[in-house]
Amino acid sequence: MNDIDKTLESAEAARRRAEAEGKDATEAFRFGRPPILRKWLPAPASRRPIPKDLTLEVIDLNRRSHRGRFIDVADPIYEGDPNYIAPLRIAILKALNPKKFPPFKHIEMRAVMAYRGGKPVGRLTCQIDSIYNDYHETNAGWFGYFECIDDLAVAHAMFDDGIRWLKSRGVVEVFGPANPTMNYQSGLLVENFDRPPVIETLYNPPYYEALLTSYGFGKAKDLLCWWIDVSNGMDSPKRQRILRIAERIKKREGITIRNASLKNAQRDIELIHELFTASWQKNWGFAPIPKEEFVELAQDLVQVIVEELLMFVMVGDRPVGFVLTVPDANEKMPKDGRLFPFGWLKLVSGLRKTKNARLFLLGTLPEYRKRGLESIFIAETTLRGHKLGYHAGEIGWTLEDNDLINRVIESMEAWVDRRYRIYGLDLTD
């Protein structure tokens, strides 16, 4: 039995237990409140008809030249924006390549570009993830890689095309943006456009929100990104109290901390995958990642990992949780996303010398929650980040209704700095 089958079996067992106890099986299975989505039809008055001078082109993602044109749509949209950092071109070319990007083994995708007066003015993908749908027993679709000029008609034409394609495949609800799923870059930035994005987060113009809501999309879930100042480490009364609590929890539970080992990277990547799947399986929007896909994706992060900032919490010899924080490589990224001829050298030489970092992933096995382990993670990361010379960092994202982890983060004097939103539409008649 592979790891996806095991996770699905675990989810089914959770449903059966919930039903036996007279509980709502869906709520027991999915963390967070499922959204009540707006209907696609009837169309709101704000939805625009397709202009006569607008055309759509279906992109063949198997052709590098098509993927290149699709990527290039973003350049004029962000021209002059001091906070925009283009995704690495080499990385997004791979991410859109069905022959090389692992998610395409379980994702069907349609990509389109919009032209107005012969000029490229927008792009959009719509995709169906069979793993997500099997896991949640639904038939959902997603949209992503969305870029568009400030023109409602252009955005609405692309959404019309994508939704009709999704409906032709029996899709009953659509969410996004996700590039291409919630396990990757996801969410539309709706609060705080005043700084560049950190590593592996999205950025967009403020007017994108109106492009989506005017079509009829409504909020499905907010993803919170927190900011924490670590320039003084744990040297504040509130943080000192957390530190004392964390030390008591360590002694009470017999907890030790193990650093990751880059010499044993394969072992630790597989362990993270196991812990991630077990600890995130009830989160809203989650779908298990096949082990081979997770391992391949993790290889891209190995080059930026600082061993002291990838920690496993051990109870005896058993790993029961992990936390991964990475330097904000975006500080060293070329603004145009192109590494050649000299960008790669600058990037490699400076990855571990950034001012800020991002707490990228955190997971605790369900049976060890509400026992204070999350406080140990955040406190230990703050101490180590300060010692390594980081000034501040982003934590997230977290689900807006994940009160357990959000209260822990607040207790460390962090604040919600950015809000990303997943939008949705009910496509049923």
Protein backbone atom coordinates (compact mmCIF):
# COMPACT_ATOMS: atom_id res chain seq x y z
CA MET A 1 0.00 0.00 0.00
CA ASN A 2 1.46 3.40 -0.98
CA ASP A 3 1.46 6.51 1.21
CA ILE A 4 -1.58 8.08 -0.53
CA ASP A 5 -3.64 4.92 0.00
CA LYS A 6 -2.61 4.87 3.67
CA THR A 7 -3.72 8.47 4.12
CA LEU A 8 -7.05 7.84 2.39
CA GLU A 9 -7.56 4.77 4.57
CA SER A 10 -6.80 6.87 7.67
CA ALA A 11 -9.29 9.50 6.54
CA GLU A 12 -11.98 6.90 5.97
CA ALA A 13 -11.35 5.44 9.43
CA ALA A 14 -11.78 8.95 10.91
CA ARG A 15 -15.12 9.32 9.12
CA ARG A 16 -16.35 5.97 10.44
CA ARG A 17 -15.34 6.84 14.01
CA ALA A 18 -17.10 10.20 13.74
CA GLU A 19 -20.29 8.61 12.44
CA ALA A 20 -20.21 5.99 15.21
CA GLU A 21 -19.97 8.81 17.77
CA GLY A 22 -22.86 10.70 16.18
CA LYS A 23 -20.65 13.53 14.89
CA ASP A 24 -20.57 15.30 11.54
CA ALA A 25 -18.12 13.14 9.60
CA THR A 26 -17.16 15.93 7.23
CA GLU A 27 -16.35 18.32 10.05
CA ALA A 28 -14.37 15.63 11.88
CA PHE A 29 -12.39 15.02 8.72
CA ARG A 30 -11.73 18.56 7.52
CA PHE A 31 -10.30 21.14 9.87
CA GLY A 32 -11.99 24.51 9.65
CA ARG A 33 -15.43 25.56 8.51
CA PRO A 34 -16.28 24.55 4.93
CA PRO A 35 -17.22 27.70 3.00
CA ILE A 36 -20.68 28.52 1.73
CA LEU A 37 -19.86 29.50 -1.84
CA ARG A 38 -21.63 31.94 -4.13
CA LYS A 39 -23.29 30.51 -7.22
CA TRP A 40 -21.75 30.91 -10.68
CA LEU A 41 -25.19 31.55 -12.18
CA PRO A 42 -27.14 33.74 -12.31
CA ALA A 43 -24.36 36.12 -13.25
CA PRO A 44 -24.00 39.25 -11.10
CA ALA A 45 -24.64 42.62 -12.74
CA SER A 46 -20.92 43.39 -12.48
CA ARG A 47 -19.95 40.55 -14.84
CA ARG A 48 -18.86 41.89 -18.23
CA PRO A 49 -19.64 40.52 -21.72
CA ILE A 50 -16.77 39.42 -23.94
CA PRO A 51 -15.51 42.34 -26.10
CA LYS A 52 -15.39 41.81 -29.86
CA ASP A 53 -11.68 42.62 -30.03
CA LEU A 54 -10.76 40.03 -27.37
CA THR A 55 -9.54 36.57 -28.31
CA LEU A 56 -8.36 33.59 -26.26
CA GLU A 57 -5.59 31.19 -27.18
CA VAL A 58 -5.33 27.72 -25.65
CA ILE A 59 -1.70 27.15 -24.70
CA ASP A 60 0.06 23.87 -25.41
CA LEU A 61 2.10 23.43 -22.24
CA ASN A 62 4.16 20.70 -23.87
CA ARG A 63 5.78 23.36 -26.07
CA ARG A 64 8.49 25.47 -24.47
CA SER A 65 7.74 28.44 -26.75
CA HIS A 66 4.09 28.44 -25.61
CA ARG A 67 5.12 28.27 -21.95
CA GLY A 68 7.53 31.15 -22.54
CA ARG A 69 4.80 33.37 -24.00
CA PHE A 70 2.48 32.42 -21.14
CA ILE A 71 5.11 33.46 -18.59
CA ASP A 72 5.88 36.73 -20.41
CA VAL A 73 2.31 38.01 -19.91
CA ALA A 74 3.29 39.12 -16.39
CA ASP A 75 6.18 41.42 -17.34
CA PRO A 76 4.25 44.53 -18.54
CA ILE A 77 1.66 44.14 -15.76
CA TYR A 78 4.32 44.56 -13.04
CA GLU A 79 6.54 47.04 -14.87
CA GLY A 80 7.56 49.77 -12.45
CA ASP A 81 6.32 47.95 -9.33
CA PRO A 82 9.24 48.15 -6.84
CA ASN A 83 7.95 45.23 -4.77
CA TYR A 84 7.51 42.70 -7.56
CA ILE A 85 9.99 39.85 -7.81
CA ALA A 86 9.47 37.68 -10.86
CA PRO A 87 9.47 33.92 -10.22
CA LEU A 88 12.65 32.27 -11.42
CA ARG A 89 12.03 31.70 -15.10
CA ILE A 90 13.80 28.36 -15.10
CA ALA A 91 11.58 27.20 -12.21
CA ILE A 92 8.25 28.29 -13.69
CA LEU A 93 9.14 26.81 -17.08
CA LYS A 94 9.53 23.49 -15.28
CA ALA A 95 6.42 23.99 -13.14
CA LEU A 96 4.31 24.38 -16.29
CA ASN A 97 5.90 21.43 -18.10
CA PRO A 98 3.64 18.34 -18.00
CA LYS A 99 6.62 16.12 -18.76
CA LYS A 100 8.80 17.35 -15.88
CA PHE A 101 6.61 18.67 -13.05
CA PRO A 102 5.43 15.82 -10.76
CA PRO A 103 1.90 17.14 -10.01
CA PHE A 104 0.94 16.62 -13.66
CA LYS A 105 0.76 12.89 -12.85
CA HIS A 106 -2.50 13.62 -11.03
CA ILE A 107 -3.54 17.00 -12.49
CA GLU A 108 -5.33 17.86 -15.73
CA MET A 109 -4.78 21.50 -16.72
CA ARG A 110 -6.06 23.96 -19.31
CA ALA A 111 -4.05 27.13 -19.90
CA VAL A 112 -5.23 30.15 -21.89
CA MET A 113 -3.89 33.56 -22.86
CA ALA A 114 -6.08 36.58 -23.61
CA TYR A 115 -5.35 39.04 -26.40
CA ARG A 116 -6.99 42.40 -26.94
CA GLY A 117 -6.24 44.20 -30.14
CA GLY A 118 -3.61 41.54 -30.82
CA LYS A 119 -1.73 42.34 -27.59
CA PRO A 120 -1.35 39.76 -24.77
CA VAL A 121 -3.29 41.06 -21.76
CA GLY A 122 -3.96 38.09 -19.48
CA ARG A 123 -3.39 34.44 -18.65
CA LEU A 124 -5.12 31.75 -16.59
CA THR A 125 -4.97 28.04 -15.86
CA CYS A 126 -7.79 25.83 -14.67
CA GLN A 127 -6.95 22.40 -13.28
CA ILE A 128 -8.45 19.29 -11.72
CA ASP A 129 -6.50 17.38 -9.10
CA SER A 130 -7.60 13.74 -8.88
CA ILE A 131 -5.84 13.22 -5.53
CA TYR A 132 -7.68 16.16 -3.94
CA ASN A 133 -11.01 14.97 -5.31
CA ASP A 134 -10.50 11.37 -4.17
CA TYR A 135 -9.39 12.53 -0.73
CA HIS A 136 -12.32 14.92 -0.19
CA GLU A 137 -14.86 12.83 -2.09
CA THR A 138 -15.81 15.71 -4.34
CA ASN A 139 -15.25 16.94 -7.88
CA ALA A 140 -13.57 20.30 -7.40
CA GLY A 141 -11.54 22.41 -9.79
CA TRP A 142 -8.90 25.08 -9.25
CA PHE A 143 -7.64 28.14 -11.09
CA GLY A 144 -4.15 29.59 -10.93
CA TYR A 145 -1.23 31.38 -12.59
CA PHE A 146 -3.65 34.29 -12.98
CA GLU A 147 -2.32 37.56 -14.40
CA CYS A 148 -4.40 40.28 -16.04
CA ILE A 149 -4.43 43.93 -16.95
CA ASP A 150 -6.88 46.13 -15.03
CA ASP A 151 -9.82 45.24 -17.24
CA LEU A 152 -12.87 43.38 -15.93
CA ALA A 153 -13.89 42.12 -19.37
CA VAL A 154 -10.52 40.45 -19.96
CA ALA A 155 -10.56 38.65 -16.60
CA HIS A 156 -14.18 37.60 -16.99
CA ALA A 157 -13.60 36.18 -20.46
CA MET A 158 -10.80 33.96 -19.15
CA PHE A 159 -12.89 32.80 -16.19
CA ASP A 160 -15.83 32.05 -18.51
CA ASP A 161 -13.60 29.84 -20.63
CA GLY A 162 -12.03 28.07 -17.68
CA ILE A 163 -15.28 27.42 -15.83
CA ARG A 164 -17.03 26.07 -18.91
CA TRP A 165 -14.08 23.70 -19.38
CA LEU A 166 -14.31 22.61 -15.73
CA LYS A 167 -18.08 22.10 -15.94
CA SER A 168 -17.65 19.96 -19.05
CA ARG A 169 -15.69 17.61 -16.78
CA GLY A 170 -18.33 17.51 -14.10
CA VAL A 171 -16.71 19.96 -11.67
CA VAL A 172 -19.13 21.26 -9.03
CA GLU A 173 -16.98 23.88 -7.23
CA VAL A 174 -13.90 25.88 -8.11
CA PHE A 175 -11.27 27.46 -5.85
CA GLY A 176 -8.17 29.57 -6.36
CA PRO A 177 -5.72 30.93 -6.97
CA ALA A 178 -3.43 27.94 -6.50
CA ASN A 179 -0.32 27.24 -8.55
CA PRO A 180 -1.37 24.49 -9.09
CA THR A 181 -2.75 23.24 -5.71
CA MET A 182 -2.88 24.36 -2.08
CA ASN A 183 0.33 22.39 -1.50
CA TYR A 184 2.15 24.97 -3.62
CA GLN A 185 1.94 28.75 -3.91
CA SER A 186 -1.65 29.76 -3.25
CA GLY A 187 -3.92 32.63 -2.32
CA LEU A 188 -4.57 36.13 -3.65
CA LEU A 189 -2.82 38.89 -1.72
CA VAL A 190 -5.53 41.19 -0.32
CA GLU A 191 -3.72 43.03 2.51
CA ASN A 192 -0.33 44.80 2.58
CA PHE A 193 1.22 45.48 -0.81
CA ASP A 194 4.03 47.55 0.72
CA ARG A 195 6.89 45.05 0.64
CA PRO A 196 8.19 42.31 -1.66
CA PRO A 197 6.96 38.75 -1.20
CA VAL A 198 9.11 36.31 0.76
CA ILE A 199 10.29 32.97 -0.57
CA GLU A 200 7.54 30.79 -2.07
CA THR A 201 4.71 33.29 -1.59
CA LEU A 202 2.66 35.12 -4.20
CA TYR A 203 2.34 38.81 -5.00
CA ASN A 204 -0.23 40.61 -7.16
CA PRO A 205 -1.58 44.12 -7.86
CA PRO A 206 -4.33 45.35 -5.49
CA TYR A 207 -6.89 45.53 -8.31
CA TYR A 208 -6.91 41.73 -8.76
CA GLU A 209 -9.41 41.41 -5.91
CA ALA A 210 -11.97 43.45 -7.88
CA LEU A 211 -11.38 41.33 -11.00
CA LEU A 212 -12.41 38.22 -9.06
CA THR A 213 -15.26 39.61 -6.97
CA SER A 214 -16.86 41.41 -9.91
CA TYR A 215 -17.08 38.06 -11.71
CA GLY A 216 -18.87 36.58 -8.71
CA PHE A 217 -16.13 34.86 -6.74
CA GLY A 218 -16.52 35.00 -2.97
CA LYS A 219 -14.23 34.29 -0.07
CA ALA A 220 -13.67 30.61 0.69
CA LYS A 221 -10.85 30.89 3.24
CA ASP A 222 -8.22 33.39 4.37
CA LEU A 223 -4.57 32.42 4.80
CA LEU A 224 -2.67 34.49 7.36
CA CYS A 225 0.99 35.44 7.14
CA TRP A 226 2.49 36.73 10.37
CA TRP A 227 5.54 38.95 10.92
CA ILE A 228 7.86 38.51 13.88
CA ASP A 229 10.82 40.65 14.96
CA VAL A 230 13.65 38.42 16.20
CA SER A 231 16.34 41.11 16.48
CA ASN A 232 16.23 40.79 20.29
CA GLY A 233 15.62 37.07 20.37
CA MET A 234 13.52 36.06 23.40
CA ASP A 235 14.49 39.13 25.39
CA SER A 236 11.08 40.50 26.37
CA PRO A 237 8.91 39.73 29.42
CA LYS A 238 6.24 38.00 27.34
CA ARG A 239 8.72 35.86 25.43
CA GLN A 240 10.68 35.02 28.57
CA ARG A 241 7.47 33.64 30.03
CA ILE A 242 6.93 31.50 26.90
CA LEU A 243 10.52 30.29 27.17
CA ARG A 244 10.01 29.19 30.78
CA ILE A 245 6.81 27.38 29.81
CA ALA A 246 8.60 25.68 26.90
CA GLU A 247 11.36 24.44 29.20
CA ARG A 248 8.81 23.01 31.64
CA ILE A 249 7.03 21.23 28.79
CA LYS A 250 10.30 19.71 27.60
CA LYS A 251 10.98 18.25 31.04
CA ARG A 252 7.40 17.09 31.59
CA GLU A 253 7.11 15.35 28.21
CA GLY A 254 10.71 14.13 27.96
CA ILE A 255 11.25 16.18 24.81
CA THR A 256 14.52 16.66 22.97
CA ILE A 257 15.26 18.59 19.77
CA ARG A 258 17.10 17.01 16.86
CA ASN A 259 18.56 19.12 14.07
CA ALA A 260 18.26 18.03 10.47
CA SER A 261 21.31 16.52 8.83
CA LEU A 262 22.13 17.51 5.28
CA LYS A 263 24.37 14.45 5.13
CA ASN A 264 21.22 12.39 5.67
CA ALA A 265 18.93 14.65 3.65
CA GLN A 266 17.00 11.79 2.03
CA ARG A 267 16.19 10.27 5.42
CA ASP A 268 14.99 13.57 6.87
CA ILE A 269 12.97 14.50 3.78
CA GLU A 270 11.09 11.21 4.00
CA LEU A 271 10.51 11.79 7.72
CA ILE A 272 9.13 15.29 7.05
CA HIS A 273 6.79 13.82 4.43
CA GLU A 274 5.49 11.28 6.95
CA LEU A 275 4.98 13.89 9.68
CA PHE A 276 3.50 16.45 7.25
CA THR A 277 0.92 13.99 5.93
CA ALA A 278 -0.09 12.82 9.40
CA SER A 279 -0.27 16.31 10.96
CA TRP A 280 -1.96 18.20 8.10
CA GLN A 281 -4.46 15.57 6.97
CA LYS A 282 -7.52 17.31 8.47
CA ASN A 283 -6.62 20.83 7.35
CA TRP A 284 -9.04 22.53 5.00
CA GLY A 285 -7.76 22.37 1.42
CA PHE A 286 -5.19 19.66 2.17
CA ALA A 287 -4.48 16.81 -0.20
CA PRO A 288 -1.70 14.27 0.40
CA ILE A 289 1.43 14.59 -1.73
CA PRO A 290 2.87 11.36 -3.15
CA LYS A 291 6.21 10.59 -1.55
CA GLU A 292 8.18 10.69 -4.80
CA GLU A 293 6.69 14.11 -5.61
CA PHE A 294 7.44 15.44 -2.13
CA VAL A 295 11.05 14.19 -2.28
CA GLU A 296 11.67 15.78 -5.67
CA LEU A 297 10.23 19.12 -4.58
CA ALA A 298 12.21 19.07 -1.36
CA GLN A 299 15.43 18.80 -3.32
CA ASP A 300 14.91 22.40 -4.44
CA LEU A 301 14.78 23.51 -0.80
CA VAL A 302 17.86 21.58 0.31
CA GLN A 303 20.15 24.24 -1.16
CA VAL A 304 18.64 26.92 1.11
CA ILE A 305 18.14 24.86 4.27
CA VAL A 306 20.07 25.85 7.38
CA GLU A 307 20.44 22.74 9.53
CA GLU A 308 19.79 24.57 12.81
CA LEU A 309 16.43 25.81 11.45
CA LEU A 310 15.03 22.40 10.51
CA MET A 311 14.18 20.74 13.80
CA PHE A 312 12.43 17.57 14.86
CA VAL A 313 10.76 17.30 18.26
CA MET A 314 11.50 13.90 19.75
CA VAL A 315 9.64 12.14 22.55
CA GLY A 316 12.12 9.47 23.44
CA ASP A 317 13.20 8.03 20.11
CA ARG A 318 9.98 9.00 18.34
CA PRO A 319 9.74 12.11 16.14
CA VAL A 320 6.36 13.71 16.85
CA GLY A 321 6.69 17.06 15.07
CA PHE A 322 8.90 19.26 12.95
CA VAL A 323 9.45 22.89 12.03
CA LEU A 324 11.24 24.19 8.94
CA THR A 325 12.43 27.78 8.58
CA VAL A 326 14.35 28.91 5.50
CA PRO A 327 16.28 32.08 4.60
CA ASP A 328 14.30 34.50 2.48
CA ALA A 329 16.03 33.74 -0.80
CA ASN A 330 13.86 36.40 -2.50
CA GLU A 331 16.22 39.01 -1.02
CA LYS A 332 18.89 37.67 -3.37
CA MET A 333 16.71 36.91 -6.37
CA PRO A 334 17.15 38.85 -9.61
CA LYS A 335 14.09 41.09 -9.98
CA ASP A 336 13.41 39.87 -13.51
CA GLY A 337 13.57 36.17 -12.61
CA ARG A 338 16.52 35.52 -14.92
CA LEU A 339 19.66 33.97 -13.45
CA PHE A 340 21.98 34.30 -16.41
CA PRO A 341 24.65 35.39 -16.98
CA PHE A 342 25.50 36.46 -13.40
CA GLY A 343 22.33 36.05 -11.35
CA TRP A 344 22.99 32.42 -10.40
CA LEU A 345 26.40 33.25 -8.88
CA LYS A 346 24.89 36.03 -6.76
CA LEU A 347 22.07 33.78 -5.63
CA VAL A 348 24.20 30.81 -4.58
CA SER A 349 26.75 32.97 -2.75
CA GLY A 350 24.12 34.83 -0.72
CA LEU A 351 21.34 32.35 0.09
CA ARG A 352 22.33 31.92 3.73
CA LYS A 353 23.16 35.59 4.31
CA THR A 354 19.68 37.08 4.20
CA LYS A 355 18.28 39.50 6.80
CA ASN A 356 14.94 37.75 7.09
CA ALA A 357 13.58 34.22 7.00
CA ARG A 358 10.29 32.38 6.63
CA LEU A 359 8.89 29.73 8.94
CA PHE A 360 7.81 27.55 6.07
CA LEU A 361 6.29 24.39 7.56
CA LEU A 362 5.25 23.21 10.99
CA GLY A 363 3.50 20.03 11.96
CA THR A 364 2.62 18.13 15.12
CA LEU A 365 1.10 14.66 15.26
CA PRO A 366 -2.57 14.94 16.30
CA GLU A 367 -2.11 13.03 19.55
CA TYR A 368 0.57 15.53 20.68
CA ARG A 369 -1.43 18.71 20.06
CA LYS A 370 -2.56 20.95 22.92
CA ARG A 371 0.49 19.87 24.91
CA GLY A 372 2.60 22.95 24.24
CA LEU A 373 4.84 21.61 21.47
CA GLU A 374 3.95 24.49 19.17
CA SER A 375 5.30 26.96 21.75
CA ILE A 376 8.57 25.02 21.81
CA PHE A 377 8.79 25.25 18.01
CA ILE A 378 8.25 29.00 17.85
CA ALA A 379 10.45 29.83 20.85
CA GLU A 380 13.32 27.62 19.68
CA THR A 381 13.12 29.02 16.15
CA THR A 382 13.18 32.60 17.48
CA LEU A 383 16.22 31.88 19.66
CA ARG A 384 18.12 30.22 16.85
CA GLY A 385 17.15 32.78 14.24
CA HIS A 386 18.42 35.56 16.49
CA LYS A 387 21.67 33.69 17.13
CA LEU A 388 22.20 33.20 13.39
CA GLY A 389 21.80 36.93 12.76
CA TYR A 390 18.31 37.16 11.27
CA HIS A 391 16.40 40.38 11.95
CA ALA A 392 12.82 39.25 11.37
CA GLY A 393 10.73 36.78 9.52
CA GLU A 394 7.38 35.69 8.17
CA ILE A 395 5.41 32.84 9.71
CA GLY A 396 2.88 31.21 7.49
CA TRP A 397 0.64 30.78 6.08
CA THR A 398 -1.89 29.58 8.69
CA LEU A 399 -5.61 29.07 8.23
CA GLU A 400 -7.62 31.96 9.62
CA ASP A 401 -9.65 29.61 11.85
CA ASN A 402 -6.74 27.51 13.14
CA ASP A 403 -7.06 29.06 16.57
CA LEU A 404 -4.59 26.70 18.23
CA ILE A 405 -1.53 27.73 16.23
CA ASN A 406 -2.66 31.33 15.70
CA ARG A 407 -2.87 31.98 19.46
CA VAL A 408 0.60 30.49 19.94
CA ILE A 409 2.02 32.81 17.26
CA GLU A 410 0.28 35.83 18.81
CA SER A 411 1.74 34.95 22.21
CA MET A 412 5.21 35.40 20.68
CA GLU A 413 4.36 39.03 19.83
CA ALA A 414 3.94 38.36 16.13
CA TRP A 415 1.20 40.13 14.19
CA VAL A 416 -0.82 39.43 11.05
CA ASP A 417 1.10 41.26 8.36
CA ARG A 418 -0.39 39.85 5.18
CA ARG A 419 -3.63 38.16 4.28
CA TYR A 420 -4.06 35.90 1.30
CA ARG A 421 -7.52 34.78 0.20
CA ILE A 422 -8.76 31.65 -1.49
CA TYR A 423 -11.85 32.44 -3.57
CA GLY A 424 -14.52 30.03 -4.64
CA LEU A 425 -17.64 29.52 -6.74
CA ASP A 426 -20.40 26.92 -6.60
CA LEU A 427 -20.85 25.65 -10.18
CA THR A 428 -23.94 23.53 -9.59
CA ASP A 429 -27.10 24.52 -11.44
